[in-house]
Amino acid sequence: MERTVTVAILEGLHARPAAMFVQEAGKQPVPVTISRGEDEPVDAASILGVMTLGAAAGEVVTLRTEGDGPDDVAAIDALEAFLSQETI
C-alpha cells in the first residue's frame, strides 16, 4: 500500500516532531517506509532515517507498506493523521 501525504507540521520532520513520528511509526503493526521525491525510502521507525529525510512543512512524502491488509491501512492512516497536524 502506498499513499502520498503533505507534511503539515509547521516545523517539518525535524528534531522533536521527527522523534514523535518515529515513536508513532514504531507502534504500528507493520513496517512502514517514508520517502521524499526521488529519495530512497527509509524506515519510518528509524530516527536517523527520518532526520536524514529532512521533510519540511508543505513537502509531499510517500508512506509505504508491503501489503494492503487492514493492518497496513491502519498504519498508513495513523501516520497520515500525525503528519497532517500543523502543531504537535
Protein backbone atom coordinates (compact mmCIF):
# COMPACT_ATOMS: atom_id res chain seq x y z
CA MET A 1 0.00 0.00 0.00
CA GLU A 2 1.24 3.49 -0.79
CA ARG A 3 -0.09 6.94 -0.01
CA THR A 4 1.27 10.44 -0.59
CA VAL A 5 0.85 12.93 2.24
CA THR A 6 1.70 16.61 2.60
CA VAL A 7 3.62 17.39 5.78
CA ALA A 8 1.52 19.97 7.63
CA ILE A 9 3.69 20.11 10.78
CA LEU A 10 5.00 23.67 10.85
CA GLU A 11 8.49 22.60 11.97
CA GLY A 12 8.59 19.80 9.40
CA LEU A 13 10.08 16.43 10.34
CA HIS A 14 12.99 17.81 12.34
CA ALA A 15 14.12 17.19 15.95
CA ARG A 16 11.12 16.72 18.26
CA PRO A 17 8.47 16.16 15.54
CA ALA A 18 10.73 13.56 13.90
CA ALA A 19 11.19 11.76 17.23
CA MET A 20 7.45 11.73 17.82
CA PHE A 21 6.78 10.49 14.27
CA VAL A 22 9.31 7.65 14.74
CA GLN A 23 7.65 6.73 18.03
CA GLU A 24 4.24 6.59 16.31
CA ALA A 25 5.68 4.52 13.44
CA GLY A 26 7.16 2.07 15.95
CA LYS A 27 3.70 1.43 17.40
CA GLN A 28 2.32 0.24 14.07
CA PRO A 29 1.61 -3.47 13.47
CA VAL A 30 3.50 -3.49 10.14
CA PRO A 31 6.75 -1.89 8.93
CA VAL A 32 6.32 1.43 7.12
CA THR A 33 8.77 3.34 4.95
CA ILE A 34 8.74 7.05 4.16
CA SER A 35 10.33 8.80 1.20
CA ARG A 36 10.51 12.29 -0.27
CA GLY A 37 10.59 12.84 -4.01
CA GLU A 38 13.07 10.52 -5.69
CA ASP A 39 14.98 9.84 -2.45
CA GLU A 40 15.37 6.25 -1.30
CA PRO A 41 12.70 5.17 1.19
CA VAL A 42 13.77 4.99 4.83
CA ASP A 43 12.34 3.03 7.74
CA ALA A 44 9.69 5.27 9.32
CA ALA A 45 10.66 3.88 12.74
CA SER A 46 14.32 4.97 12.33
CA ILE A 47 15.16 8.36 13.85
CA LEU A 48 18.34 8.60 11.78
CA GLY A 49 16.47 7.82 8.55
CA VAL A 50 13.64 10.26 9.23
CA MET A 51 16.03 13.04 10.30
CA THR A 52 18.13 12.47 7.16
CA LEU A 53 14.97 12.71 5.04
CA GLY A 54 14.52 16.27 6.29
CA ALA A 55 10.95 16.76 5.07
CA ALA A 56 9.86 20.38 5.58
CA ALA A 57 6.36 21.74 6.08
CA GLY A 58 4.44 21.66 2.81
CA GLU A 59 6.57 18.91 1.26
CA VAL A 60 4.96 15.76 -0.07
CA VAL A 61 6.16 12.42 1.29
CA THR A 62 5.19 8.87 0.40
CA LEU A 63 4.28 6.31 3.05
CA ARG A 64 4.52 2.64 2.03
CA THR A 65 3.83 -0.80 3.45
CA GLU A 66 4.45 -4.16 1.82
CA GLY A 67 0.85 -5.37 1.99
CA ASP A 68 -2.64 -3.95 1.65
CA GLY A 69 -4.46 -5.60 4.54
CA PRO A 70 -6.27 -3.92 7.43
CA ASP A 71 -3.04 -3.53 9.45
CA ASP A 72 -1.41 -1.75 6.51
CA VAL A 73 -4.37 0.60 6.15
CA ALA A 74 -4.38 1.33 9.90
CA ALA A 75 -0.64 2.05 9.91
CA ILE A 76 -0.82 4.42 6.95
CA ASP A 77 -3.93 6.14 8.39
CA ALA A 78 -2.21 6.71 11.75
CA LEU A 79 0.95 8.16 10.22
CA GLU A 80 -1.01 10.29 7.76
CA ALA A 81 -3.02 11.71 10.68
CA PHE A 82 0.22 12.53 12.51
CA LEU A 83 1.76 14.30 9.50
CA SER A 84 -1.47 16.22 8.82
CA GLN A 85 -1.32 18.12 12.13
CA GLU A 86 0.08 21.65 12.00
CA THR A 87 1.21 21.53 15.61
CA ILE A 88 2.12 18.59 17.77
